[in-house]
Amino acid sequence: MIHKLEPAILVKDYPDQGLVKGNMGAVVMVHDGGKAFEVEFVILAGDTLGVLTLTADEIRPISARDVPHVRVA
């Protein structure tokens, strides 16, 4: 389970929010014992791109094989 303040990776695109599969965010709140999460996504300058309420199947924990990637929001 992903815990509060841990990174999380999107597993699908959210074009209406400007977010794409693979974007990394930080869990800011855990709901219902891990059934849902508030995840904040920021740009590298620190500004918030969006905060989404996501279910456990919409995010995943980071893995040792993940590669950081930069794109323009």
C-alpha atoms as a PDB file:
ATOM      1  CA  MET A   1       0.000   0.000   0.000  1.00  0.00           C
ATOM      2  CA  ILE A   2       1.098   3.537  -0.705  1.00  0.00           C
ATOM      3  CA  HIS A   3       1.247   5.738   2.384  1.00  0.00           C
ATOM      4  CA  LYS A   4       0.820   9.466   3.009  1.00  0.00           C
ATOM      5  CA  LEU A   5       3.737  11.575   1.694  1.00  0.00           C
ATOM      6  CA  GLU A   6       5.020   8.770  -0.536  1.00  0.00           C
ATOM      7  CA  PRO A   7       5.399   9.167  -4.303  1.00  0.00           C
ATOM      8  CA  ALA A   8       2.854   7.566  -6.621  1.00  0.00           C
ATOM      9  CA  ILE A   9       2.824   7.000 -10.378  1.00  0.00           C
ATOM     10  CA  LEU A  10      -0.241   7.489 -12.599  1.00  0.00           C
ATOM     11  CA  VAL A  11      -1.200   4.392 -14.569  1.00  0.00           C
ATOM     12  CA  LYS A  12      -3.423   6.177 -17.118  1.00  0.00           C
ATOM     13  CA  ASP A  13      -3.775   9.558 -18.819  1.00  0.00           C
ATOM     14  CA  TYR A  14      -5.919  12.399 -17.471  1.00  0.00           C
ATOM     15  CA  PRO A  15      -5.826  14.803 -20.435  1.00  0.00           C
ATOM     16  CA  ASP A  16      -8.437  17.140 -18.941  1.00  0.00           C
ATOM     17  CA  GLN A  17      -6.033  17.665 -16.005  1.00  0.00           C
ATOM     18  CA  GLY A  18      -2.880  17.912 -18.141  1.00  0.00           C
ATOM     19  CA  LEU A  19      -1.536  14.673 -16.654  1.00  0.00           C
ATOM     20  CA  VAL A  20      -0.259  11.600 -18.467  1.00  0.00           C
ATOM     21  CA  LYS A  21       0.511   8.002 -17.586  1.00  0.00           C
ATOM     22  CA  GLY A  22       3.838   7.848 -15.782  1.00  0.00           C
ATOM     23  CA  ASN A  23       3.584  11.257 -14.085  1.00  0.00           C
ATOM     24  CA  MET A  24       4.742  11.150 -10.491  1.00  0.00           C
ATOM     25  CA  GLY A  25       2.848  12.797  -7.658  1.00  0.00           C
ATOM     26  CA  ALA A  26       2.885  12.776  -3.877  1.00  0.00           C
ATOM     27  CA  VAL A  27       0.148  11.212  -1.771  1.00  0.00           C
ATOM     28  CA  VAL A  28      -1.188  13.931   0.524  1.00  0.00           C
ATOM     29  CA  MET A  29      -4.084  11.964   2.009  1.00  0.00           C
ATOM     30  CA  VAL A  30      -5.136   8.318   2.231  1.00  0.00           C
ATOM     31  CA  HIS A  31      -8.868   7.523   2.268  1.00  0.00           C
ATOM     32  CA  ASP A  32     -10.661   4.435   3.537  1.00  0.00           C
ATOM     33  CA  GLY A  33      -7.555   2.461   4.459  1.00  0.00           C
ATOM     34  CA  GLY A  34      -6.020   2.787   0.986  1.00  0.00           C
ATOM     35  CA  LYS A  35      -9.071   2.507  -1.260  1.00  0.00           C
ATOM     36  CA  ALA A  36      -8.522   6.068  -2.522  1.00  0.00           C
ATOM     37  CA  PHE A  37      -5.826   8.727  -2.373  1.00  0.00           C
ATOM     38  CA  GLU A  38      -5.444  12.481  -2.777  1.00  0.00           C
ATOM     39  CA  VAL A  39      -2.371  12.887  -4.987  1.00  0.00           C
ATOM     40  CA  GLU A  40      -0.695  16.216  -5.722  1.00  0.00           C
ATOM     41  CA  PHE A  41       1.207  16.665  -8.972  1.00  0.00           C
ATOM     42  CA  VAL A  42       3.696  19.522  -9.260  1.00  0.00           C
ATOM     43  CA  ILE A  43       5.978  20.971 -11.894  1.00  0.00           C
ATOM     44  CA  LEU A  44       9.718  21.087 -11.151  1.00  0.00           C
ATOM     45  CA  ALA A  45       9.465  24.760 -10.142  1.00  0.00           C
ATOM     46  CA  GLY A  46       7.190  23.631  -7.299  1.00  0.00           C
ATOM     47  CA  ASP A  47       3.849  24.940  -8.561  1.00  0.00           C
ATOM     48  CA  THR A  48       0.895  22.578  -8.268  1.00  0.00           C
ATOM     49  CA  LEU A  49      -0.314  21.160 -11.573  1.00  0.00           C
ATOM     50  CA  GLY A  50      -3.266  19.385  -9.992  1.00  0.00           C
ATOM     51  CA  VAL A  51      -4.616  17.468  -7.034  1.00  0.00           C
ATOM     52  CA  LEU A  52      -6.668  14.404  -7.901  1.00  0.00           C
ATOM     53  CA  THR A  53      -8.659  11.921  -5.873  1.00  0.00           C
ATOM     54  CA  LEU A  54      -7.631   8.562  -7.295  1.00  0.00           C
ATOM     55  CA  THR A  55      -8.532   4.978  -6.524  1.00  0.00           C
ATOM     56  CA  ALA A  56      -5.895   2.377  -5.737  1.00  0.00           C
ATOM     57  CA  ASP A  57      -6.037   1.014  -9.305  1.00  0.00           C
ATOM     58  CA  GLU A  58      -5.281   4.437 -10.825  1.00  0.00           C
ATOM     59  CA  ILE A  59      -1.841   4.772  -9.231  1.00  0.00           C
ATOM     60  CA  ARG A  60       1.067   2.531  -8.344  1.00  0.00           C
ATOM     61  CA  PRO A  61       4.097   2.840  -6.080  1.00  0.00           C
ATOM     62  CA  ILE A  62       7.448   3.748  -7.601  1.00  0.00           C
ATOM     63  CA  SER A  63       9.803   0.914  -8.451  1.00  0.00           C
ATOM     64  CA  ALA A  64      13.580   0.611  -8.586  1.00  0.00           C
ATOM     65  CA  ARG A  65      13.313   0.329 -12.398  1.00  0.00           C
ATOM     66  CA  ASP A  66      11.453   3.630 -12.939  1.00  0.00           C
ATOM     67  CA  VAL A  67      13.258   6.276 -14.987  1.00  0.00           C
ATOM     68  CA  PRO A  68      12.556   9.992 -14.388  1.00  0.00           C
ATOM     69  CA  HIS A  69      11.284  11.868 -17.430  1.00  0.00           C
ATOM     70  CA  VAL A  70      10.811  15.581 -18.030  1.00  0.00           C
ATOM     71  CA  ARG A  71       8.103  17.133 -20.203  1.00  0.00           C
ATOM     72  CA  VAL A  72       6.574  20.594 -20.496  1.00  0.00           C
ATOM     73  CA  ALA A  73       3.171  20.837 -18.794  1.00  0.00           C
END
